[in-house]
Amino acid sequence: MAVLQVLHIPDERLRKVAEPVKEVNAEIQRIVDDMFDTMYAEEGIGLAATRVDIHQRIIVIDDVSENREEQLVLINPEMLEKDGETGIEEGCLSIPEQRARCRVRKK
């Protein structure tokens, strides 16, 4: 496992569209493991593969909500339904030391 370099704005690679994962295999598992290592090293709670110059539809999340502690891996995620909005403060590893209030979907 390895800690990957996080891209920072205005790096143009952050604009590249991620491709769907075609097969979950040992290489994808290695990427996921490296992404978790990177996320924890950067003290983040979530990380999209594009942020580490891997342009595949992979997201890792450290979910500590509702008294749970679990690692979530999203492969080829899709928004199927929208239900309401709420405001939360968020940060981004590609924009260090900056936080902003964002509108997000409740579900």
PDB file of N, CA and C in Angstrom:
ATOM      1  N   MET A   1       0.839  -1.178   0.000  1.00  0.00           N
ATOM      2  CA  MET A   1       0.000   0.000   0.000  1.00  0.00           C
ATOM      3  C   MET A   1       0.882   1.237   0.000  1.00  0.00           C
ATOM      4  N   ALA A   2       0.333   2.318  -0.566  1.00  0.00           N
ATOM      5  CA  ALA A   2       1.136   3.526  -0.733  1.00  0.00           C
ATOM      6  C   ALA A   2       0.286   4.769  -0.535  1.00  0.00           C
ATOM      7  N   VAL A   3       0.950   5.835  -0.142  1.00  0.00           N
ATOM      8  CA  VAL A   3       0.308   7.140  -0.084  1.00  0.00           C
ATOM      9  C   VAL A   3       0.562   7.811  -1.430  1.00  0.00           C
ATOM     10  N   LEU A   4      -0.522   8.183  -2.097  1.00  0.00           N
ATOM     11  CA  LEU A   4      -0.446   8.782  -3.427  1.00  0.00           C
ATOM     12  C   LEU A   4      -0.387  10.304  -3.323  1.00  0.00           C
ATOM     13  N   GLN A   5       0.078  10.951  -4.373  1.00  0.00           N
ATOM     14  CA  GLN A   5       0.119  12.409  -4.405  1.00  0.00           C
ATOM     15  C   GLN A   5      -1.272  12.946  -4.717  1.00  0.00           C
ATOM     16  N   VAL A   6      -1.755  13.872  -3.894  1.00  0.00           N
ATOM     17  CA  VAL A   6      -3.046  14.517  -4.119  1.00  0.00           C
ATOM     18  C   VAL A   6      -2.821  15.724  -5.025  1.00  0.00           C
ATOM     19  N   LEU A   7      -3.594  15.801  -6.097  1.00  0.00           N
ATOM     20  CA  LEU A   7      -3.517  16.939  -7.013  1.00  0.00           C
ATOM     21  C   LEU A   7      -4.198  18.145  -6.382  1.00  0.00           C
ATOM     22  N   HIS A   8      -3.661  19.326  -6.623  1.00  0.00           N
ATOM     23  CA  HIS A   8      -4.243  20.560  -6.097  1.00  0.00           C
ATOM     24  C   HIS A   8      -4.656  21.469  -7.248  1.00  0.00           C
ATOM     25  N   ILE A   9      -5.701  22.259  -7.009  1.00  0.00           N
ATOM     26  CA  ILE A   9      -6.104  23.217  -8.033  1.00  0.00           C
ATOM     27  C   ILE A   9      -4.971  24.215  -8.227  1.00  0.00           C
ATOM     28  N   PRO A  10      -4.703  24.659  -9.404  1.00  0.00           N
ATOM     29  CA  PRO A  10      -5.492  24.565 -10.635  1.00  0.00           C
ATOM     30  C   PRO A  10      -5.049  23.439 -11.580  1.00  0.00           C
ATOM     31  N   ASP A  11      -4.552  22.350 -11.082  1.00  0.00           N
ATOM     32  CA  ASP A  11      -4.060  21.251 -11.919  1.00  0.00           C
ATOM     33  C   ASP A  11      -5.160  20.797 -12.885  1.00  0.00           C
ATOM     34  N   GLU A  12      -4.878  20.864 -14.165  1.00  0.00           N
ATOM     35  CA  GLU A  12      -5.861  20.527 -15.201  1.00  0.00           C
ATOM     36  C   GLU A  12      -6.301  19.066 -15.152  1.00  0.00           C
ATOM     37  N   ARG A  13      -5.491  18.193 -14.570  1.00  0.00           N
ATOM     38  CA  ARG A  13      -5.872  16.778 -14.486  1.00  0.00           C
ATOM     39  C   ARG A  13      -7.125  16.588 -13.643  1.00  0.00           C
ATOM     40  N   LEU A  14      -7.428  17.554 -12.767  1.00  0.00           N
ATOM     41  CA  LEU A  14      -8.644  17.465 -11.956  1.00  0.00           C
ATOM     42  C   LEU A  14      -9.908  17.632 -12.799  1.00  0.00           C
ATOM     43  N   ARG A  15      -9.776  18.157 -14.000  1.00  0.00           N
ATOM     44  CA  ARG A  15     -10.924  18.366 -14.893  1.00  0.00           C
ATOM     45  C   ARG A  15     -11.232  17.145 -15.766  1.00  0.00           C
ATOM     46  N   LYS A  16     -10.342  16.184 -15.766  1.00  0.00           N
ATOM     47  CA  LYS A  16     -10.527  15.005 -16.619  1.00  0.00           C
ATOM     48  C   LYS A  16     -11.711  14.173 -16.112  1.00  0.00           C
ATOM     49  N   VAL A  17     -12.533  13.712 -17.030  1.00  0.00           N
ATOM     50  CA  VAL A  17     -13.706  12.904 -16.686  1.00  0.00           C
ATOM     51  C   VAL A  17     -13.262  11.482 -16.356  1.00  0.00           C
ATOM     52  N   ALA A  18     -13.744  10.974 -15.239  1.00  0.00           N
ATOM     53  CA  ALA A  18     -13.398   9.610 -14.815  1.00  0.00           C
ATOM     54  C   ALA A  18     -14.156   8.584 -15.657  1.00  0.00           C
ATOM     55  N   GLU A  19     -13.483   7.512 -15.991  1.00  0.00           N
ATOM     56  CA  GLU A  19     -14.073   6.420 -16.767  1.00  0.00           C
ATOM     57  C   GLU A  19     -14.673   5.376 -15.819  1.00  0.00           C
ATOM     58  N   PRO A  20     -15.719   4.680 -16.242  1.00  0.00           N
ATOM     59  CA  PRO A  20     -16.269   3.611 -15.404  1.00  0.00           C
ATOM     60  C   PRO A  20     -15.256   2.485 -15.192  1.00  0.00           C
ATOM     61  N   VAL A  21     -15.330   1.859 -14.046  1.00  0.00           N
ATOM     62  CA  VAL A  21     -14.524   0.668 -13.762  1.00  0.00           C
ATOM     63  C   VAL A  21     -15.183  -0.495 -14.495  1.00  0.00           C
ATOM     64  N   LYS A  22     -14.418  -1.214 -15.289  1.00  0.00           N
ATOM     65  CA  LYS A  22     -14.973  -2.323 -16.069  1.00  0.00           C
ATOM     66  C   LYS A  22     -14.992  -3.627 -15.298  1.00  0.00           C
ATOM     67  N   GLU A  23     -14.010  -3.813 -14.418  1.00  0.00           N
ATOM     68  CA  GLU A  23     -13.916  -5.061 -13.655  1.00  0.00           C
ATOM     69  C   GLU A  23     -13.239  -4.770 -12.321  1.00  0.00           C
ATOM     70  N   VAL A  24     -13.826  -5.279 -11.250  1.00  0.00           N
ATOM     71  CA  VAL A  24     -13.193  -5.159  -9.937  1.00  0.00           C
ATOM     72  C   VAL A  24     -12.241  -6.338  -9.797  1.00  0.00           C
ATOM     73  N   ASN A  25     -10.954  -6.018  -9.785  1.00  0.00           N
ATOM     74  CA  ASN A  25      -9.921  -7.047  -9.746  1.00  0.00           C
ATOM     75  C   ASN A  25      -8.835  -6.632  -8.751  1.00  0.00           C
ATOM     76  N   ALA A  26      -7.717  -7.330  -8.761  1.00  0.00           N
ATOM     77  CA  ALA A  26      -6.631  -7.048  -7.816  1.00  0.00           C
ATOM     78  C   ALA A  26      -6.086  -5.631  -7.988  1.00  0.00           C
ATOM     79  N   GLU A  27      -6.024  -5.146  -9.216  1.00  0.00           N
ATOM     80  CA  GLU A  27      -5.531  -3.782  -9.465  1.00  0.00           C
ATOM     81  C   GLU A  27      -6.465  -2.741  -8.845  1.00  0.00           C
ATOM     82  N   ILE A  28      -7.764  -2.933  -8.998  1.00  0.00           N
ATOM     83  CA  ILE A  28      -8.731  -2.008  -8.392  1.00  0.00           C
ATOM     84  C   ILE A  28      -8.636  -2.080  -6.874  1.00  0.00           C
ATOM     85  N   GLN A  29      -8.470  -3.264  -6.316  1.00  0.00           N
ATOM     86  CA  GLN A  29      -8.316  -3.403  -4.860  1.00  0.00           C
ATOM     87  C   GLN A  29      -7.072  -2.663  -4.375  1.00  0.00           C
ATOM     88  N   ARG A  30      -5.979  -2.748  -5.140  1.00  0.00           N
ATOM     89  CA  ARG A  30      -4.754  -2.021  -4.770  1.00  0.00           C
ATOM     90  C   ARG A  30      -4.994  -0.515  -4.798  1.00  0.00           C
ATOM     91  N   ILE A  31      -5.705  -0.038  -5.829  1.00  0.00           N
ATOM     92  CA  ILE A  31      -6.030   1.390  -5.925  1.00  0.00           C
ATOM     93  C   ILE A  31      -6.853   1.818  -4.719  1.00  0.00           C
ATOM     94  N   VAL A  32      -7.874   1.035  -4.370  1.00  0.00           N
ATOM     95  CA  VAL A  32      -8.724   1.343  -3.212  1.00  0.00           C
ATOM     96  C   VAL A  32      -7.887   1.395  -1.936  1.00  0.00           C
ATOM     97  N   ASP A  33      -7.030   0.410  -1.727  1.00  0.00           N
ATOM     98  CA  ASP A  33      -6.168   0.395  -0.535  1.00  0.00           C
ATOM     99  C   ASP A  33      -5.276   1.630  -0.489  1.00  0.00           C
ATOM    100  N   ASP A  34      -4.675   1.980  -1.630  1.00  0.00           N
ATOM    101  CA  ASP A  34      -3.815   3.163  -1.691  1.00  0.00           C
ATOM    102  C   ASP A  34      -4.616   4.439  -1.443  1.00  0.00           C
ATOM    103  N   MET A  35      -5.843   4.480  -1.940  1.00  0.00           N
ATOM    104  CA  MET A  35      -6.687   5.658  -1.717  1.00  0.00           C
ATOM    105  C   MET A  35      -7.020   5.821  -0.238  1.00  0.00           C
ATOM    106  N   PHE A  36      -7.341   4.725   0.454  1.00  0.00           N
ATOM    107  CA  PHE A  36      -7.587   4.830   1.898  1.00  0.00           C
ATOM    108  C   PHE A  36      -6.328   5.296   2.622  1.00  0.00           C
ATOM    109  N   ASP A  37      -5.174   4.730   2.285  1.00  0.00           N
ATOM    110  CA  ASP A  37      -3.917   5.164   2.909  1.00  0.00           C
ATOM    111  C   ASP A  37      -3.694   6.658   2.695  1.00  0.00           C
ATOM    112  N   THR A  38      -3.952   7.115   1.480  1.00  0.00           N
ATOM    113  CA  THR A  38      -3.766   8.531   1.148  1.00  0.00           C
ATOM    114  C   THR A  38      -4.754   9.402   1.907  1.00  0.00           C
ATOM    115  N   MET A  39      -6.017   8.996   1.926  1.00  0.00           N
ATOM    116  CA  MET A  39      -7.044   9.767   2.621  1.00  0.00           C
ATOM    117  C   MET A  39      -6.696   9.937   4.098  1.00  0.00           C
ATOM    118  N   TYR A  40      -6.287   8.855   4.754  1.00  0.00           N
ATOM    119  CA  TYR A  40      -5.939   8.938   6.177  1.00  0.00           C
ATOM    120  C   TYR A  40      -4.666   9.756   6.392  1.00  0.00           C
ATOM    121  N   ALA A  41      -3.685   9.626   5.509  1.00  0.00           N
ATOM    122  CA  ALA A  41      -2.443  10.401   5.635  1.00  0.00           C
ATOM    123  C   ALA A  41      -2.717  11.898   5.505  1.00  0.00           C
ATOM    124  N   GLU A  42      -3.713  12.252   4.687  1.00  0.00           N
ATOM    125  CA  GLU A  42      -4.076  13.654   4.471  1.00  0.00           C
ATOM    126  C   GLU A  42      -5.152  14.127   5.447  1.00  0.00           C
ATOM    127  N   GLU A  43      -5.562  13.245   6.363  1.00  0.00           N
ATOM    128  CA  GLU A  43      -6.593  13.538   7.364  1.00  0.00           C
ATOM    129  C   GLU A  43      -7.927  13.922   6.724  1.00  0.00           C
ATOM    130  N   GLY A  44      -8.275  13.196   5.650  1.00  0.00           N
ATOM    131  CA  GLY A  44      -9.549  13.414   4.985  1.00  0.00           C
ATOM    132  C   GLY A  44     -10.574  12.392   5.438  1.00  0.00           C
ATOM    133  N   ILE A  45     -11.814  12.584   4.990  1.00  0.00           N
ATOM    134  CA  ILE A  45     -12.881  11.626   5.302  1.00  0.00           C
ATOM    135  C   ILE A  45     -13.459  10.997   4.034  1.00  0.00           C
ATOM    136  N   GLY A  46     -12.990  11.451   2.885  1.00  0.00           N
ATOM    137  CA  GLY A  46     -13.417  10.895   1.614  1.00  0.00           C
ATOM    138  C   GLY A  46     -12.426  11.286   0.532  1.00  0.00           C
ATOM    139  N   LEU A  47     -12.374  10.486  -0.525  1.00  0.00           N
ATOM    140  CA  LEU A  47     -11.425  10.770  -1.601  1.00  0.00           C
ATOM    141  C   LEU A  47     -11.920  10.133  -2.897  1.00  0.00           C
ATOM    142  N   ALA A  48     -11.975  10.938  -3.954  1.00  0.00           N
ATOM    143  CA  ALA A  48     -12.297  10.438  -5.290  1.00  0.00           C
ATOM    144  C   ALA A  48     -10.993  10.143  -6.028  1.00  0.00           C
ATOM    145  N   ALA A  49     -11.003   9.111  -6.837  1.00  0.00           N
ATOM    146  CA  ALA A  49      -9.786   8.673  -7.526  1.00  0.00           C
ATOM    147  C   ALA A  49      -9.170   9.771  -8.388  1.00  0.00           C
ATOM    148  N   THR A  50      -9.995  10.612  -8.993  1.00  0.00           N
ATOM    149  CA  THR A  50      -9.468  11.693  -9.826  1.00  0.00           C
ATOM    150  C   THR A  50      -8.533  12.604  -9.040  1.00  0.00           C
ATOM    151  N   ARG A  51      -8.777  12.753  -7.757  1.00  0.00           N
ATOM    152  CA  ARG A  51      -7.936  13.628  -6.914  1.00  0.00           C
ATOM    153  C   ARG A  51      -6.502  13.116  -6.802  1.00  0.00           C
ATOM    154  N   VAL A  52      -6.296  11.833  -7.088  1.00  0.00           N
ATOM    155  CA  VAL A  52      -4.947  11.252  -7.039  1.00  0.00           C
ATOM    156  C   VAL A  52      -4.506  10.797  -8.435  1.00  0.00           C
ATOM    157  N   ASP A  53      -5.051  11.468  -9.452  1.00  0.00           N
ATOM    158  CA  ASP A  53      -4.665  11.258 -10.852  1.00  0.00           C
ATOM    159  C   ASP A  53      -4.960   9.850 -11.353  1.00  0.00           C
ATOM    160  N   ILE A  54      -6.023   9.261 -10.819  1.00  0.00           N
ATOM    161  CA  ILE A  54      -6.527   7.971 -11.309  1.00  0.00           C
ATOM    162  C   ILE A  54      -7.932   8.261 -11.816  1.00  0.00           C
ATOM    163  N   HIS A  55      -8.129   8.213 -13.109  1.00  0.00           N
ATOM    164  CA  HIS A  55      -9.374   8.697 -13.701  1.00  0.00           C
ATOM    165  C   HIS A  55     -10.357   7.561 -13.947  1.00  0.00           C
ATOM    166  N   GLN A  56     -10.730   6.926 -12.825  1.00  0.00           N
ATOM    167  CA  GLN A  56     -11.746   5.878 -12.810  1.00  0.00           C
ATOM    168  C   GLN A  56     -12.781   6.267 -11.760  1.00  0.00           C
ATOM    169  N   ARG A  57     -13.986   5.768 -11.918  1.00  0.00           N
ATOM    170  CA  ARG A  57     -15.083   6.144 -11.031  1.00  0.00           C
ATOM    171  C   ARG A  57     -15.015   5.341  -9.732  1.00  0.00           C
ATOM    172  N   ILE A  58     -14.136   5.792  -8.839  1.00  0.00           N
ATOM    173  CA  ILE A  58     -13.928   5.153  -7.538  1.00  0.00           C
ATOM    174  C   ILE A  58     -13.913   6.250  -6.480  1.00  0.00           C
ATOM    175  N   ILE A  59     -14.637   6.028  -5.391  1.00  0.00           N
ATOM    176  CA  ILE A  59     -14.645   6.937  -4.245  1.00  0.00           C
ATOM    177  C   ILE A  59     -14.484   6.096  -2.989  1.00  0.00           C
ATOM    178  N   VAL A  60     -13.655   6.571  -2.061  1.00  0.00           N
ATOM    179  CA  VAL A  60     -13.546   5.921  -0.754  1.00  0.00           C
ATOM    180  C   VAL A  60     -14.004   6.918   0.303  1.00  0.00           C
ATOM    181  N   ILE A  61     -14.697   6.408   1.328  1.00  0.00           N
ATOM    182  CA  ILE A  61     -15.266   7.250   2.381  1.00  0.00           C
ATOM    183  C   ILE A  61     -15.066   6.559   3.718  1.00  0.00           C
ATOM    184  N   ASP A  62     -14.688   7.348   4.708  1.00  0.00           N
ATOM    185  CA  ASP A  62     -14.624   6.871   6.087  1.00  0.00           C
ATOM    186  C   ASP A  62     -15.915   7.328   6.748  1.00  0.00           C
ATOM    187  N   ASP A  63     -16.878   6.452   6.882  1.00  0.00           N
ATOM    188  CA  ASP A  63     -18.202   6.790   7.402  1.00  0.00           C
ATOM    189  C   ASP A  63     -18.233   6.578   8.907  1.00  0.00           C
ATOM    190  N   VAL A  64     -18.308   7.678   9.637  1.00  0.00           N
ATOM    191  CA  VAL A  64     -18.384   7.599  11.099  1.00  0.00           C
ATOM    192  C   VAL A  64     -19.704   8.192  11.589  1.00  0.00           C
ATOM    193  N   SER A  65     -20.711   8.210  10.735  1.00  0.00           N
ATOM    194  CA  SER A  65     -22.005   8.766  11.109  1.00  0.00           C
ATOM    195  C   SER A  65     -22.851   7.746  11.863  1.00  0.00           C
ATOM    196  N   GLU A  66     -23.803   8.261  12.602  1.00  0.00           N
ATOM    197  CA  GLU A  66     -24.774   7.430  13.318  1.00  0.00           C
ATOM    198  C   GLU A  66     -24.117   6.321  14.130  1.00  0.00           C
ATOM    199  N   ASN A  67     -23.071   6.671  14.857  1.00  0.00           N
ATOM    200  CA  ASN A  67     -22.365   5.733  15.739  1.00  0.00           C
ATOM    201  C   ASN A  67     -21.793   4.520  15.007  1.00  0.00           C
ATOM    202  N   ARG A  68     -21.540   4.661  13.708  1.00  0.00           N
ATOM    203  CA  ARG A  68     -20.912   3.598  12.928  1.00  0.00           C
ATOM    204  C   ARG A  68     -19.497   4.023  12.605  1.00  0.00           C
ATOM    205  N   GLU A  69     -18.669   3.063  12.429  1.00  0.00           N
ATOM    206  CA  GLU A  69     -17.330   3.316  11.907  1.00  0.00           C
ATOM    207  C   GLU A  69     -17.073   2.262  10.850  1.00  0.00           C
ATOM    208  N   GLU A  70     -17.139   2.683   9.590  1.00  0.00           N
ATOM    209  CA  GLU A  70     -16.891   1.731   8.520  1.00  0.00           C
ATOM    210  C   GLU A  70     -16.302   2.434   7.310  1.00  0.00           C
ATOM    211  N   GLN A  71     -15.590   1.678   6.531  1.00  0.00           N
ATOM    212  CA  GLN A  71     -15.036   2.183   5.289  1.00  0.00           C
ATOM    213  C   GLN A  71     -15.997   1.834   4.157  1.00  0.00           C
ATOM    214  N   LEU A  72     -16.324   2.835   3.359  1.00  0.00           N
ATOM    215  CA  LEU A  72     -17.194   2.617   2.213  1.00  0.00           C
ATOM    216  C   LEU A  72     -16.386   2.783   0.937  1.00  0.00           C
ATOM    217  N   VAL A  73     -16.641   1.924  -0.028  1.00  0.00           N
ATOM    218  CA  VAL A  73     -16.017   2.018  -1.344  1.00  0.00           C
ATOM    219  C   VAL A  73     -17.146   2.100  -2.361  1.00  0.00           C
ATOM    220  N   LEU A  74     -17.126   3.140  -3.174  1.00  0.00           N
ATOM    221  CA  LEU A  74     -18.125   3.302  -4.222  1.00  0.00           C
ATOM    222  C   LEU A  74     -17.440   3.105  -5.568  1.00  0.00           C
ATOM    223  N   ILE A  75     -17.920   2.142  -6.325  1.00  0.00           N
ATOM    224  CA  ILE A  75     -17.415   1.857  -7.668  1.00  0.00           C
ATOM    225  C   ILE A  75     -18.531   2.194  -8.651  1.00  0.00           C
ATOM    226  N   ASN A  76     -18.254   3.067  -9.599  1.00  0.00           N
ATOM    227  CA  ASN A  76     -19.242   3.506 -10.589  1.00  0.00           C
ATOM    228  C   ASN A  76     -20.529   4.014  -9.939  1.00  0.00           C
ATOM    229  N   PRO A  77     -20.430   4.930  -8.968  1.00  0.00           N
ATOM    230  CA  PRO A  77     -21.645   5.413  -8.302  1.00  0.00           C
ATOM    231  C   PRO A  77     -22.520   6.224  -9.254  1.00  0.00           C
ATOM    232  N   GLU A  78     -23.825   6.170  -9.019  1.00  0.00           N
ATOM    233  CA  GLU A  78     -24.797   6.937  -9.793  1.00  0.00           C
ATOM    234  C   GLU A  78     -25.823   7.526  -8.847  1.00  0.00           C
ATOM    235  N   MET A  79     -26.244   8.757  -9.123  1.00  0.00           N
ATOM    236  CA  MET A  79     -27.324   9.387  -8.372  1.00  0.00           C
ATOM    237  C   MET A  79     -28.629   8.940  -9.023  1.00  0.00           C
ATOM    238  N   LEU A  80     -29.424   8.158  -8.301  1.00  0.00           N
ATOM    239  CA  LEU A  80     -30.660   7.621  -8.864  1.00  0.00           C
ATOM    240  C   LEU A  80     -31.880   8.446  -8.489  1.00  0.00           C
ATOM    241  N   GLU A  81     -31.810   9.119  -7.356  1.00  0.00           N
ATOM    242  CA  GLU A  81     -32.966   9.849  -6.864  1.00  0.00           C
ATOM    243  C   GLU A  81     -32.482  11.037  -6.052  1.00  0.00           C
ATOM    244  N   LYS A  82     -33.215  12.135  -6.139  1.00  0.00           N
ATOM    245  CA  LYS A  82     -32.885  13.323  -5.358  1.00  0.00           C
ATOM    246  C   LYS A  82     -34.017  13.567  -4.372  1.00  0.00           C
ATOM    247  N   ASP A  83     -33.663  13.841  -3.115  1.00  0.00           N
ATOM    248  CA  ASP A  83     -34.692  14.048  -2.104  1.00  0.00           C
ATOM    249  C   ASP A  83     -34.240  15.117  -1.118  1.00  0.00           C
ATOM    250  N   GLY A  84     -34.666  16.355  -1.332  1.00  0.00           N
ATOM    251  CA  GLY A  84     -34.375  17.434  -0.403  1.00  0.00           C
ATOM    252  C   GLY A  84     -32.926  17.870  -0.411  1.00  0.00           C
ATOM    253  N   GLU A  85     -32.667  18.975   0.284  1.00  0.00           N
ATOM    254  CA  GLU A  85     -31.311  19.492   0.404  1.00  0.00           C
ATOM    255  C   GLU A  85     -31.034  19.878   1.842  1.00  0.00           C
ATOM    256  N   THR A  86     -29.777  19.901   2.187  1.00  0.00           N
ATOM    257  CA  THR A  86     -29.333  20.385   3.483  1.00  0.00           C
ATOM    258  C   THR A  86     -28.000  21.091   3.269  1.00  0.00           C
ATOM    259  N   GLY A  87     -27.591  21.901   4.209  1.00  0.00           N
ATOM    260  CA  GLY A  87     -26.316  22.600   4.092  1.00  0.00           C
ATOM    261  C   GLY A  87     -25.314  22.041   5.079  1.00  0.00           C
ATOM    262  N   ILE A  88     -24.109  21.787   4.609  1.00  0.00           N
ATOM    263  CA  ILE A  88     -23.041  21.320   5.487  1.00  0.00           C
ATOM    264  C   ILE A  88     -21.744  22.028   5.103  1.00  0.00           C
ATOM    265  N   GLU A  89     -20.809  22.056   6.040  1.00  0.00           N
ATOM    266  CA  GLU A  89     -19.498  22.606   5.737  1.00  0.00           C
ATOM    267  C   GLU A  89     -18.606  21.473   5.249  1.00  0.00           C
ATOM    268  N   GLU A  90     -17.935  21.698   4.117  1.00  0.00           N
ATOM    269  CA  GLU A  90     -17.080  20.670   3.531  1.00  0.00           C
ATOM    270  C   GLU A  90     -15.708  21.228   3.211  1.00  0.00           C
ATOM    271  N   GLY A  91     -14.757  20.325   3.156  1.00  0.00           N
ATOM    272  CA  GLY A  91     -13.417  20.654   2.695  1.00  0.00           C
ATOM    273  C   GLY A  91     -13.071  19.739   1.537  1.00  0.00           C
ATOM    274  N   CYS A  92     -11.949  20.012   0.893  1.00  0.00           N
ATOM    275  CA  CYS A  92     -11.502  19.205  -0.240  1.00  0.00           C
ATOM    276  C   CYS A  92      -9.989  19.083  -0.174  1.00  0.00           C
ATOM    277  N   LEU A  93      -9.480  17.864  -0.284  1.00  0.00           N
ATOM    278  CA  LEU A  93      -8.034  17.662  -0.214  1.00  0.00           C
ATOM    279  C   LEU A  93      -7.296  18.350  -1.359  1.00  0.00           C
ATOM    280  N   SER A  94      -7.990  18.653  -2.462  1.00  0.00           N
ATOM    281  CA  SER A  94      -7.362  19.344  -3.586  1.00  0.00           C
ATOM    282  C   SER A  94      -7.335  20.862  -3.403  1.00  0.00           C
ATOM    283  N   ILE A  95      -8.011  21.344  -2.356  1.00  0.00           N
ATOM    284  CA  ILE A  95      -7.997  22.769  -2.013  1.00  0.00           C
ATOM    285  C   ILE A  95      -7.630  22.852  -0.534  1.00  0.00           C
ATOM    286  N   PRO A  96      -6.358  22.675  -0.201  1.00  0.00           N
ATOM    287  CA  PRO A  96      -5.940  22.573   1.203  1.00  0.00           C
ATOM    288  C   PRO A  96      -6.348  23.780   2.047  1.00  0.00           C
ATOM    289  N   GLU A  97      -6.729  23.489   3.274  1.00  0.00           N
ATOM    290  CA  GLU A  97      -7.034  24.479   4.302  1.00  0.00           C
ATOM    291  C   GLU A  97      -8.172  25.422   3.935  1.00  0.00           C
ATOM    292  N   GLN A  98      -9.043  25.017   3.033  1.00  0.00           N
ATOM    293  CA  GLN A  98     -10.215  25.808   2.672  1.00  0.00           C
ATOM    294  C   GLN A  98     -11.460  24.986   2.968  1.00  0.00           C
ATOM    295  N   ARG A  99     -12.464  25.643   3.514  1.00  0.00           N
ATOM    296  CA  ARG A  99     -13.740  24.988   3.773  1.00  0.00           C
ATOM    297  C   ARG A  99     -14.835  25.911   3.268  1.00  0.00           C
ATOM    298  N   ALA A 100     -15.959  25.325   2.870  1.00  0.00           N
ATOM    299  CA  ALA A 100     -17.081  26.112   2.376  1.00  0.00           C
ATOM    300  C   ALA A 100     -18.381  25.423   2.754  1.00  0.00           C
ATOM    301  N   ARG A 101     -19.407  26.217   2.924  1.00  0.00           N
ATOM    302  CA  ARG A 101     -20.736  25.665   3.184  1.00  0.00           C
ATOM    303  C   ARG A 101     -21.319  25.245   1.840  1.00  0.00           C
ATOM    304  N   CYS A 102     -21.773  23.997   1.750  1.00  0.00           N
ATOM    305  CA  CYS A 102     -22.276  23.429   0.499  1.00  0.00           C
ATOM    306  C   CYS A 102     -23.693  22.916   0.681  1.00  0.00           C
ATOM    307  N   ARG A 103     -24.468  23.014  -0.387  1.00  0.00           N
ATOM    308  CA  ARG A 103     -25.787  22.388  -0.393  1.00  0.00           C
ATOM    309  C   ARG A 103     -25.619  20.975  -0.910  1.00  0.00           C
ATOM    310  N   VAL A 104     -26.139  20.016  -0.176  1.00  0.00           N
ATOM    311  CA  VAL A 104     -26.052  18.612  -0.582  1.00  0.00           C
ATOM    312  C   VAL A 104     -27.417  17.960  -0.440  1.00  0.00           C
ATOM    313  N   ARG A 105     -27.607  16.875  -1.152  1.00  0.00           N
ATOM    314  CA  ARG A 105     -28.858  16.117  -1.064  1.00  0.00           C
ATOM    315  C   ARG A 105     -28.922  15.360   0.249  1.00  0.00           C
ATOM    316  N   LYS A 106     -30.109  15.283   0.834  1.00  0.00           N
ATOM    317  CA  LYS A 106     -30.293  14.522   2.072  1.00  0.00           C
ATOM    318  C   LYS A 106     -30.160  13.036   1.823  1.00  0.00           C
ATOM    319  N   LYS A 107     -30.613  12.572   0.671  1.00  0.00           N
ATOM    320  CA  LYS A 107     -30.551  11.149   0.327  1.00  0.00           C
ATOM    321  C   LYS A 107     -29.935  10.993  -1.032  1.00  0.00           C
TER     322      LYS A 107
END
